[in-house]
Protein backbone atom coordinates (compact mmCIF):
# COMPACT_ATOMS: atom_id res chain seq x y z
CA GLN A 1 110.74 -21.23 126.57
CA VAL A 2 107.34 -19.60 126.27
CA HIS A 3 105.03 -20.07 129.21
CA LEU A 4 101.53 -18.72 129.73
CA ALA A 5 99.74 -19.10 133.05
CA GLU A 6 96.08 -18.23 133.55
CA SER A 7 94.60 -17.57 136.97
CA GLY A 8 91.63 -15.93 138.63
CA GLY A 9 88.87 -18.35 137.79
CA GLY A 10 86.38 -19.63 140.30
CA LEU A 11 82.75 -20.09 141.21
CA VAL A 12 80.53 -17.03 141.11
CA GLN A 13 76.81 -16.36 141.09
CA ALA A 14 75.07 -14.97 138.04
CA GLY A 15 75.54 -11.22 137.89
CA GLY A 16 78.89 -11.43 139.63
CA SER A 17 82.38 -10.52 138.49
CA LEU A 18 85.78 -12.11 138.10
CA ARG A 19 89.13 -10.90 136.84
CA LEU A 20 91.30 -13.36 134.98
CA SER A 21 95.03 -12.93 134.55
CA CYS A 22 97.38 -14.36 131.93
CA ALA A 23 101.02 -14.09 132.93
CA ALA A 24 103.61 -14.64 130.23
CA SER A 25 107.28 -15.52 130.48
CA GLY A 26 110.05 -16.43 128.06
CA ILE A 27 109.07 -13.77 125.51
CA ILE A 28 109.23 -10.05 124.93
CA PHE A 29 105.60 -9.77 125.83
CA SER A 30 105.00 -6.30 124.40
CA ARG A 31 105.61 -7.64 120.89
CA TYR A 32 102.61 -9.97 120.89
CA GLY A 33 98.89 -9.67 120.61
CA VAL A 34 97.02 -11.83 123.10
CA GLY A 35 93.64 -13.44 122.98
CA TRP A 36 91.34 -14.93 125.59
CA TYR A 37 89.42 -18.01 124.50
CA ARG A 38 86.99 -20.28 126.26
CA GLN A 39 85.80 -23.83 125.91
CA ALA A 40 82.63 -25.16 127.48
CA PRO A 41 82.00 -28.91 127.87
CA GLY A 42 81.06 -30.43 124.55
CA LYS A 43 81.71 -27.24 122.63
CA GLN A 44 84.53 -25.92 120.51
CA ARG A 45 86.99 -23.39 121.80
CA GLU A 46 85.89 -19.86 120.91
CA LEU A 47 87.48 -16.44 120.93
CA VAL A 48 86.26 -14.16 123.69
CA ALA A 49 88.45 -11.08 123.31
CA LEU A 50 91.82 -10.00 122.00
CA ILE A 51 94.20 -7.13 122.46
CA THR A 52 96.84 -6.11 119.95
CA VAL A 53 100.35 -4.81 120.43
CA GLY A 54 98.93 -1.33 119.96
CA ARG A 55 96.23 -2.06 122.59
CA SER A 56 93.37 -2.21 120.12
CA THR A 57 90.69 -4.55 121.38
CA ASN A 58 88.06 -6.76 119.86
CA TYR A 59 85.26 -8.70 121.56
CA ALA A 60 82.92 -11.49 120.70
CA ASP A 61 79.35 -10.27 120.48
CA PHE A 62 78.30 -12.41 123.42
CA VAL A 63 80.61 -10.51 125.82
CA LYS A 64 80.47 -6.98 124.46
CA GLY A 65 79.65 -4.51 127.18
CA ARG A 66 80.36 -7.05 129.93
CA PHE A 67 84.02 -8.05 129.53
CA THR A 68 87.10 -5.85 129.24
CA ILE A 69 90.54 -6.98 128.12
CA SER A 70 93.64 -5.03 129.07
CA ARG A 71 97.40 -5.54 129.27
CA ASP A 72 100.28 -4.50 131.49
CA ASN A 73 103.52 -4.90 129.56
CA VAL A 74 105.60 -4.18 132.66
CA LYS A 75 104.04 -7.13 134.46
CA ASN A 76 103.87 -9.25 131.26
CA THR A 77 100.21 -9.84 132.00
CA VAL A 78 96.91 -9.62 130.16
CA TYR A 79 93.68 -9.31 132.12
CA LEU A 80 90.09 -10.14 131.39
CA GLU A 81 87.63 -8.28 133.57
CA MET A 82 84.32 -10.12 133.48
CA ASN A 83 81.17 -8.46 134.79
CA SER A 84 77.48 -9.37 134.72
CA LEU A 85 78.43 -13.01 134.41
CA LYS A 86 75.86 -15.46 133.10
CA PRO A 87 75.61 -19.24 133.53
CA GLU A 88 76.44 -19.59 129.83
CA ASP A 89 79.83 -18.01 130.52
CA THR A 90 80.80 -21.20 132.34
CA ALA A 91 83.88 -22.62 130.63
CA VAL A 92 87.61 -23.11 130.88
CA TYR A 93 89.28 -19.85 129.85
CA TYR A 94 92.62 -19.87 128.04
CA CYS A 95 95.00 -17.20 126.84
CA ASN A 96 96.95 -17.41 123.62
CA LEU A 97 99.60 -15.48 121.77
CA ILE A 98 97.89 -14.37 118.58
CA GLY A 99 99.29 -16.24 115.60
CA PHE A 100 101.21 -18.77 117.67
CA ASN A 101 100.33 -22.13 119.11
CA TYR A 102 101.16 -21.19 122.69
CA TRP A 103 98.44 -21.84 125.24
CA GLY A 104 98.20 -21.80 128.98
CA GLN A 105 96.65 -24.57 131.06
CA GLY A 106 93.38 -22.69 131.44
CA THR A 107 91.36 -21.51 134.40
CA GLN A 108 87.87 -22.73 135.20
CA VAL A 109 85.04 -20.22 135.46
CA THR A 110 81.74 -21.50 136.79
CA VAL A 111 78.70 -19.25 137.00
CA SER A 112 75.76 -20.52 139.02
CA SER A 113 72.19 -19.43 138.39
């Protein structure tokens, strides 16, 4: 059974940093691309960043230069390093296996001004 668990969210001041983790189980993790998405209140879920099996990365324009996605296939974990956080980054952040409808429960990120 596939299970994704996000962690690392919290409350931070604008300009601060957080590192989110997405731990996977029940799969051969190295065979999947993984994406980080976010959903703010009243808004649709949007892609933030993704990392492929070959470790290629892609970022939404609104996080380029501030966020970094990485993966550790030994630990079955994908990370999202978030720097220079802005109040508009406030959202619930989810990870997803690219191409599959597997989602974690999300982790709340709140950035105060």
